[in-house]
Amino acid sequence: MRNKSNLFFIALVLFINISAFGNTFFSLGPILNISLDENSAPNPISYSLGVGKIFDINETFSIQPRITLFTQYYLWSGEKALPAEIENRTAFTSCSIIDIPINITLLENNTKTKSFEAGIGPSFFLRYAFLANGVKSSDSGVSGTAASDIKKINSYFYNNLNYLYTELYFSLNYKTKKKITIGLESKYYLAIQSLINKNFFNQNMFTVSIRFLF
């Protein structure tokens, strides 16, 4: 499990190594985790920071890999790792989403200062849980102790495709006179495991954010 938790750090190093290519963008905004399970926090909202690159294929298509970072509390229900309210938390979880969408520019004005984009692609939801502040490893847990709950939570994150999502992406962009592009974007993440279980909306995610392209 420790090797799996290093996936994010490996991806980050790879991203830094290719940072000399393409155009860099940053995004800021809330991310909503749709959680319909009993005992879960009701649809928790976290605040995220993303960084990505744009690699143009041609004037219409591009590949836009991105890493989005945020944190969230989790608990172990006995069967699942569920988002938790702060008073019920066991784990403080470092979360990262790696997106690799193919984007298409659908509309663009004559001066190319305004554009509308849409995209789709695979996403990987990488998480690693630690004991939350104020929780001791010897505290009682659903599986025995808080420490054993943490192990269960981390195992759950990477079992049964719980890390695999499909991203749907839309953005409106405006290029300023200073050649900085400001965009309003939305992304919807479809959890593959929820589709398999026919629980279509559970554990999906939705985010609206502001994007700055340099």
C-alpha atoms as a PDB file:
ATOM      1  CA  MET A   1       0.000   0.000   0.000  1.00  0.00           C
ATOM      2  CA  ARG A   2       2.892   2.336   0.621  1.00  0.00           C
ATOM      3  CA  ASN A   3       3.991   1.913  -3.000  1.00  0.00           C
ATOM      4  CA  LYS A   4       0.494   2.830  -4.148  1.00  0.00           C
ATOM      5  CA  SER A   5       0.503   5.932  -1.980  1.00  0.00           C
ATOM      6  CA  ASN A   6       3.635   7.078  -3.824  1.00  0.00           C
ATOM      7  CA  LEU A   7       1.809   7.180  -7.171  1.00  0.00           C
ATOM      8  CA  PHE A   8       0.956  10.835  -6.668  1.00  0.00           C
ATOM      9  CA  PHE A   9       4.559  11.787  -5.929  1.00  0.00           C
ATOM     10  CA  ILE A  10       5.798   9.888  -8.990  1.00  0.00           C
ATOM     11  CA  ALA A  11       3.219  11.642 -11.150  1.00  0.00           C
ATOM     12  CA  LEU A  12       4.210  15.024  -9.719  1.00  0.00           C
ATOM     13  CA  VAL A  13       7.894  14.426 -10.527  1.00  0.00           C
ATOM     14  CA  LEU A  14       6.989  13.419 -14.077  1.00  0.00           C
ATOM     15  CA  PHE A  15       4.866  16.520 -14.424  1.00  0.00           C
ATOM     16  CA  ILE A  16       7.698  18.784 -13.282  1.00  0.00           C
ATOM     17  CA  ASN A  17      10.019  17.135 -15.800  1.00  0.00           C
ATOM     18  CA  ILE A  18       7.743  18.048 -18.708  1.00  0.00           C
ATOM     19  CA  SER A  19       6.999  21.542 -17.413  1.00  0.00           C
ATOM     20  CA  ALA A  20       9.239  23.107 -20.056  1.00  0.00           C
ATOM     21  CA  PHE A  21       6.748  22.098 -22.742  1.00  0.00           C
ATOM     22  CA  GLY A  22       3.238  23.357 -23.454  1.00  0.00           C
ATOM     23  CA  ASN A  23       1.369  26.163 -21.707  1.00  0.00           C
ATOM     24  CA  THR A  24       0.877  26.106 -17.946  1.00  0.00           C
ATOM     25  CA  PHE A  25      -2.433  26.786 -16.218  1.00  0.00           C
ATOM     26  CA  PHE A  26      -3.620  26.919 -12.619  1.00  0.00           C
ATOM     27  CA  SER A  27      -7.119  26.348 -11.264  1.00  0.00           C
ATOM     28  CA  LEU A  28      -8.833  27.172  -7.975  1.00  0.00           C
ATOM     29  CA  GLY A  29     -12.280  26.141  -6.809  1.00  0.00           C
ATOM     30  CA  PRO A  30     -14.537  23.980  -4.636  1.00  0.00           C
ATOM     31  CA  ILE A  31     -15.043  20.288  -5.310  1.00  0.00           C
ATOM     32  CA  LEU A  32     -18.221  18.487  -4.267  1.00  0.00           C
ATOM     33  CA  ASN A  33     -18.062  14.793  -3.382  1.00  0.00           C
ATOM     34  CA  ILE A  34     -21.501  13.212  -3.924  1.00  0.00           C
ATOM     35  CA  SER A  35     -21.822  10.657  -1.125  1.00  0.00           C
ATOM     36  CA  LEU A  36     -25.129   8.810  -0.731  1.00  0.00           C
ATOM     37  CA  ASP A  37     -24.002   6.139   1.743  1.00  0.00           C
ATOM     38  CA  GLU A  38     -25.422   5.915   5.242  1.00  0.00           C
ATOM     39  CA  ASN A  39     -23.048   7.275   7.930  1.00  0.00           C
ATOM     40  CA  SER A  40     -21.238   9.389   5.351  1.00  0.00           C
ATOM     41  CA  ALA A  41     -20.841  13.126   5.588  1.00  0.00           C
ATOM     42  CA  PRO A  42     -23.594  14.604   3.389  1.00  0.00           C
ATOM     43  CA  ASN A  43     -21.917  15.634   0.125  1.00  0.00           C
ATOM     44  CA  PRO A  44     -18.783  17.269   1.593  1.00  0.00           C
ATOM     45  CA  ILE A  45     -17.159  20.215  -0.165  1.00  0.00           C
ATOM     46  CA  SER A  46     -13.385  20.695  -0.251  1.00  0.00           C
ATOM     47  CA  TYR A  47     -11.292  23.435  -1.821  1.00  0.00           C
ATOM     48  CA  SER A  48      -8.853  22.447  -4.518  1.00  0.00           C
ATOM     49  CA  LEU A  49      -5.752  23.730  -6.266  1.00  0.00           C
ATOM     50  CA  GLY A  50      -4.838  22.403  -9.694  1.00  0.00           C
ATOM     51  CA  VAL A  51      -1.913  22.782 -12.087  1.00  0.00           C
ATOM     52  CA  GLY A  52      -1.797  21.530 -15.649  1.00  0.00           C
ATOM     53  CA  LYS A  53      -0.297  21.795 -19.122  1.00  0.00           C
ATOM     54  CA  ILE A  54      -1.820  22.231 -22.565  1.00  0.00           C
ATOM     55  CA  PHE A  55      -0.328  20.271 -25.452  1.00  0.00           C
ATOM     56  CA  ASP A  56      -1.888  21.320 -28.749  1.00  0.00           C
ATOM     57  CA  ILE A  57      -2.486  18.569 -31.304  1.00  0.00           C
ATOM     58  CA  ASN A  58      -3.835  21.083 -33.820  1.00  0.00           C
ATOM     59  CA  GLU A  59      -5.995  24.223 -33.738  1.00  0.00           C
ATOM     60  CA  THR A  60      -9.024  22.241 -32.549  1.00  0.00           C
ATOM     61  CA  PHE A  61      -7.755  19.395 -30.337  1.00  0.00           C
ATOM     62  CA  SER A  62      -5.418  19.385 -27.343  1.00  0.00           C
ATOM     63  CA  ILE A  63      -4.373  17.151 -24.451  1.00  0.00           C
ATOM     64  CA  GLN A  64      -4.534  18.871 -21.065  1.00  0.00           C
ATOM     65  CA  PRO A  65      -3.069  16.760 -18.213  1.00  0.00           C
ATOM     66  CA  ARG A  66      -3.650  18.160 -14.754  1.00  0.00           C
ATOM     67  CA  ILE A  67      -3.044  17.405 -11.073  1.00  0.00           C
ATOM     68  CA  THR A  68      -5.650  18.680  -8.587  1.00  0.00           C
ATOM     69  CA  LEU A  69      -4.931  18.646  -4.856  1.00  0.00           C
ATOM     70  CA  PHE A  70      -7.242  18.833  -1.853  1.00  0.00           C
ATOM     71  CA  THR A  71      -7.808  17.191   1.536  1.00  0.00           C
ATOM     72  CA  GLN A  72     -10.758  15.416   3.131  1.00  0.00           C
ATOM     73  CA  TYR A  73     -11.724  13.521   6.297  1.00  0.00           C
ATOM     74  CA  TYR A  74     -12.690   9.839   6.099  1.00  0.00           C
ATOM     75  CA  LEU A  75     -14.031   7.089   8.357  1.00  0.00           C
ATOM     76  CA  TRP A  76     -14.281   3.313   8.028  1.00  0.00           C
ATOM     77  CA  SER A  77     -17.878   2.063   8.000  1.00  0.00           C
ATOM     78  CA  GLY A  78     -17.019  -1.642   8.195  1.00  0.00           C
ATOM     79  CA  GLU A  79     -17.382  -2.056   4.441  1.00  0.00           C
ATOM     80  CA  LYS A  80     -16.300   1.227   2.878  1.00  0.00           C
ATOM     81  CA  ALA A  81     -14.133   4.282   3.376  1.00  0.00           C
ATOM     82  CA  LEU A  82     -16.615   7.160   3.562  1.00  0.00           C
ATOM     83  CA  PRO A  83     -16.202  10.945   3.700  1.00  0.00           C
ATOM     84  CA  ALA A  84     -16.606  12.046   7.312  1.00  0.00           C
ATOM     85  CA  GLU A  85     -17.671  15.115   9.213  1.00  0.00           C
ATOM     86  CA  ILE A  86     -14.996  16.506  11.472  1.00  0.00           C
ATOM     87  CA  GLU A  87     -16.623  15.166  14.658  1.00  0.00           C
ATOM     88  CA  ASN A  88     -16.741  11.617  13.221  1.00  0.00           C
ATOM     89  CA  ARG A  89     -13.392  11.590  11.465  1.00  0.00           C
ATOM     90  CA  THR A  90     -10.731   8.929  11.796  1.00  0.00           C
ATOM     91  CA  ALA A  91      -8.490   9.818   8.872  1.00  0.00           C
ATOM     92  CA  PHE A  92      -7.079  12.987   7.420  1.00  0.00           C
ATOM     93  CA  THR A  93      -6.644  12.192   3.739  1.00  0.00           C
ATOM     94  CA  SER A  94      -4.367  13.751   1.159  1.00  0.00           C
ATOM     95  CA  CYS A  95      -6.210  13.622  -2.174  1.00  0.00           C
ATOM     96  CA  SER A  96      -5.014  14.159  -5.718  1.00  0.00           C
ATOM     97  CA  ILE A  97      -6.828  13.741  -9.011  1.00  0.00           C
ATOM     98  CA  ILE A  98      -4.770  13.165 -12.141  1.00  0.00           C
ATOM     99  CA  ASP A  99      -6.712  14.039 -15.299  1.00  0.00           C
ATOM    100  CA  ILE A 100      -5.684  13.221 -18.870  1.00  0.00           C
ATOM    101  CA  PRO A 101      -8.504  14.651 -21.011  1.00  0.00           C
ATOM    102  CA  ILE A 102      -8.615  15.246 -24.743  1.00  0.00           C
ATOM    103  CA  ASN A 103     -10.174  18.674 -25.306  1.00  0.00           C
ATOM    104  CA  ILE A 104     -11.885  20.151 -28.327  1.00  0.00           C
ATOM    105  CA  THR A 105     -12.386  23.865 -28.966  1.00  0.00           C
ATOM    106  CA  LEU A 106     -15.997  24.056 -30.112  1.00  0.00           C
ATOM    107  CA  LEU A 107     -16.504  27.807 -30.497  1.00  0.00           C
ATOM    108  CA  GLU A 108     -14.031  30.635 -30.977  1.00  0.00           C
ATOM    109  CA  ASN A 109     -14.532  34.249 -32.052  1.00  0.00           C
ATOM    110  CA  ASN A 110     -12.621  35.824 -34.933  1.00  0.00           C
ATOM    111  CA  THR A 111     -10.033  37.492 -32.707  1.00  0.00           C
ATOM    112  CA  LYS A 112      -9.523  34.267 -30.719  1.00  0.00           C
ATOM    113  CA  THR A 113     -10.045  36.131 -27.448  1.00  0.00           C
ATOM    114  CA  LYS A 114     -13.082  34.046 -26.446  1.00  0.00           C
ATOM    115  CA  SER A 115     -13.533  30.298 -26.714  1.00  0.00           C
ATOM    116  CA  PHE A 116     -15.595  27.385 -25.439  1.00  0.00           C
ATOM    117  CA  GLU A 117     -13.992  24.005 -24.774  1.00  0.00           C
ATOM    118  CA  ALA A 118     -15.221  20.528 -23.919  1.00  0.00           C
ATOM    119  CA  GLY A 119     -13.255  17.416 -23.054  1.00  0.00           C
ATOM    120  CA  ILE A 120     -13.379  13.842 -21.858  1.00  0.00           C
ATOM    121  CA  GLY A 121     -10.782  11.431 -20.534  1.00  0.00           C
ATOM    122  CA  PRO A 122      -9.651   9.115 -17.737  1.00  0.00           C
ATOM    123  CA  SER A 123      -8.997  10.366 -14.213  1.00  0.00           C
ATOM    124  CA  PHE A 124      -7.193   8.708 -11.338  1.00  0.00           C
ATOM    125  CA  PHE A 125      -8.272   9.576  -7.785  1.00  0.00           C
ATOM    126  CA  LEU A 126      -5.220   8.941  -5.609  1.00  0.00           C
ATOM    127  CA  ARG A 127      -5.606   9.129  -1.839  1.00  0.00           C
ATOM    128  CA  TYR A 128      -3.601   8.336   1.259  1.00  0.00           C
ATOM    129  CA  ALA A 129      -5.033   8.435   4.783  1.00  0.00           C
ATOM    130  CA  PHE A 130      -3.282   9.395   8.011  1.00  0.00           C
ATOM    131  CA  LEU A 131      -4.595   9.504  11.561  1.00  0.00           C
ATOM    132  CA  ALA A 132      -6.514  12.748  11.920  1.00  0.00           C
ATOM    133  CA  ASN A 133      -5.359  15.320  14.446  1.00  0.00           C
ATOM    134  CA  GLY A 134      -6.602  14.360  17.901  1.00  0.00           C
ATOM    135  CA  VAL A 135      -7.112  10.682  16.989  1.00  0.00           C
ATOM    136  CA  LYS A 136      -4.753   8.154  18.595  1.00  0.00           C
ATOM    137  CA  SER A 137      -3.792   4.873  16.955  1.00  0.00           C
ATOM    138  CA  SER A 138      -5.049   3.002  20.033  1.00  0.00           C
ATOM    139  CA  ASP A 139      -8.479   4.660  19.966  1.00  0.00           C
ATOM    140  CA  SER A 140     -11.363   2.284  19.342  1.00  0.00           C
ATOM    141  CA  GLY A 141     -12.387   1.794  15.722  1.00  0.00           C
ATOM    142  CA  VAL A 142     -14.933  -0.145  13.695  1.00  0.00           C
ATOM    143  CA  SER A 143     -12.309  -2.737  12.769  1.00  0.00           C
ATOM    144  CA  GLY A 144     -10.755  -2.782  16.255  1.00  0.00           C
ATOM    145  CA  THR A 145      -8.583   0.312  16.594  1.00  0.00           C
ATOM    146  CA  ALA A 146      -8.178   3.596  14.762  1.00  0.00           C
ATOM    147  CA  ALA A 147      -4.866   2.324  13.378  1.00  0.00           C
ATOM    148  CA  SER A 148      -6.529  -0.728  11.828  1.00  0.00           C
ATOM    149  CA  ASP A 149      -9.292   1.508  10.428  1.00  0.00           C
ATOM    150  CA  ILE A 150      -6.620   3.558   8.666  1.00  0.00           C
ATOM    151  CA  LYS A 151      -5.243   0.405   7.038  1.00  0.00           C
ATOM    152  CA  LYS A 152      -8.728  -0.571   5.905  1.00  0.00           C
ATOM    153  CA  ILE A 153      -9.333   2.901   4.480  1.00  0.00           C
ATOM    154  CA  ASN A 154      -6.096   2.931   2.510  1.00  0.00           C
ATOM    155  CA  SER A 155      -6.736  -0.560   1.192  1.00  0.00           C
ATOM    156  CA  TYR A 156     -10.242   0.421   0.068  1.00  0.00           C
ATOM    157  CA  PHE A 157      -8.961   3.389  -1.929  1.00  0.00           C
ATOM    158  CA  TYR A 158      -7.127   1.085  -4.359  1.00  0.00           C
ATOM    159  CA  ASN A 159      -9.420  -1.948  -4.465  1.00  0.00           C
ATOM    160  CA  ASN A 160     -12.114  -2.692  -7.057  1.00  0.00           C
ATOM    161  CA  LEU A 161     -11.326   0.307  -9.282  1.00  0.00           C
ATOM    162  CA  ASN A 162     -12.252   2.792  -6.546  1.00  0.00           C
ATOM    163  CA  TYR A 163      -9.532   5.077  -7.917  1.00  0.00           C
ATOM    164  CA  LEU A 164     -10.759   5.125 -11.537  1.00  0.00           C
ATOM    165  CA  TYR A 165     -13.030   7.870 -12.901  1.00  0.00           C
ATOM    166  CA  THR A 166     -14.082   9.367 -16.216  1.00  0.00           C
ATOM    167  CA  GLU A 167     -13.927  13.155 -16.468  1.00  0.00           C
ATOM    168  CA  LEU A 168     -16.325  15.379 -18.430  1.00  0.00           C
ATOM    169  CA  TYR A 169     -14.973  18.907 -18.858  1.00  0.00           C
ATOM    170  CA  PHE A 170     -16.362  22.267 -20.031  1.00  0.00           C
ATOM    171  CA  SER A 171     -14.834  25.739 -19.957  1.00  0.00           C
ATOM    172  CA  LEU A 172     -15.402  29.303 -21.132  1.00  0.00           C
ATOM    173  CA  ASN A 173     -12.177  31.219 -21.762  1.00  0.00           C
ATOM    174  CA  TYR A 174     -11.258  34.852 -22.302  1.00  0.00           C
ATOM    175  CA  LYS A 175      -7.800  36.027 -23.363  1.00  0.00           C
ATOM    176  CA  THR A 176      -6.837  39.409 -21.897  1.00  0.00           C
ATOM    177  CA  LYS A 177      -4.712  42.065 -23.581  1.00  0.00           C
ATOM    178  CA  LYS A 178      -1.816  40.883 -21.436  1.00  0.00           C
ATOM    179  CA  LYS A 179      -2.113  37.444 -23.112  1.00  0.00           C
ATOM    180  CA  ILE A 180      -3.289  35.804 -19.890  1.00  0.00           C
ATOM    181  CA  THR A 181      -6.330  33.601 -20.447  1.00  0.00           C
ATOM    182  CA  ILE A 182      -8.945  33.517 -17.672  1.00  0.00           C
ATOM    183  CA  GLY A 183     -11.499  30.732 -17.747  1.00  0.00           C
ATOM    184  CA  LEU A 184     -14.545  29.485 -15.852  1.00  0.00           C
ATOM    185  CA  GLU A 185     -14.609  25.696 -15.943  1.00  0.00           C
ATOM    186  CA  SER A 186     -16.681  22.822 -14.629  1.00  0.00           C
ATOM    187  CA  LYS A 187     -15.787  19.145 -14.364  1.00  0.00           C
ATOM    188  CA  TYR A 188     -17.872  16.106 -13.553  1.00  0.00           C
ATOM    189  CA  TYR A 189     -16.165  12.898 -12.433  1.00  0.00           C
ATOM    190  CA  LEU A 190     -18.014   9.625 -12.985  1.00  0.00           C
ATOM    191  CA  ALA A 191     -16.922   6.880 -10.588  1.00  0.00           C
ATOM    192  CA  ILE A 192     -16.419   3.699 -12.605  1.00  0.00           C
ATOM    193  CA  GLN A 193     -17.090   1.445  -9.614  1.00  0.00           C
ATOM    194  CA  SER A 194     -20.424   3.172  -8.977  1.00  0.00           C
ATOM    195  CA  LEU A 195     -21.405   2.564 -12.606  1.00  0.00           C
ATOM    196  CA  ILE A 196     -20.512  -1.110 -12.238  1.00  0.00           C
ATOM    197  CA  ASN A 197     -22.618  -1.329  -9.059  1.00  0.00           C
ATOM    198  CA  LYS A 198     -25.476   0.603 -10.765  1.00  0.00           C
ATOM    199  CA  ASN A 199     -25.331   3.204  -8.003  1.00  0.00           C
ATOM    200  CA  PHE A 200     -24.840   5.872 -10.621  1.00  0.00           C
ATOM    201  CA  PHE A 201     -24.344   9.093  -8.659  1.00  0.00           C
ATOM    202  CA  ASN A 202     -22.633   7.781  -5.528  1.00  0.00           C
ATOM    203  CA  GLN A 203     -19.015   8.913  -5.047  1.00  0.00           C
ATOM    204  CA  ASN A 204     -19.128  11.059  -8.172  1.00  0.00           C
ATOM    205  CA  MET A 205     -17.518  14.492  -7.938  1.00  0.00           C
ATOM    206  CA  PHE A 206     -18.338  17.901  -9.357  1.00  0.00           C
ATOM    207  CA  THR A 207     -16.217  21.023  -9.392  1.00  0.00           C
ATOM    208  CA  VAL A 208     -16.477  24.604 -10.622  1.00  0.00           C
ATOM    209  CA  SER A 209     -13.269  26.596 -10.715  1.00  0.00           C
ATOM    210  CA  ILE A 210     -11.441  29.573 -12.144  1.00  0.00           C
ATOM    211  CA  ARG A 211      -8.535  28.816 -14.478  1.00  0.00           C
ATOM    212  CA  PHE A 212      -5.556  31.036 -15.293  1.00  0.00           C
ATOM    213  CA  LEU A 213      -3.515  30.182 -18.398  1.00  0.00           C
ATOM    214  CA  PHE A 214      -0.094  31.759 -18.890  1.00  0.00           C
END
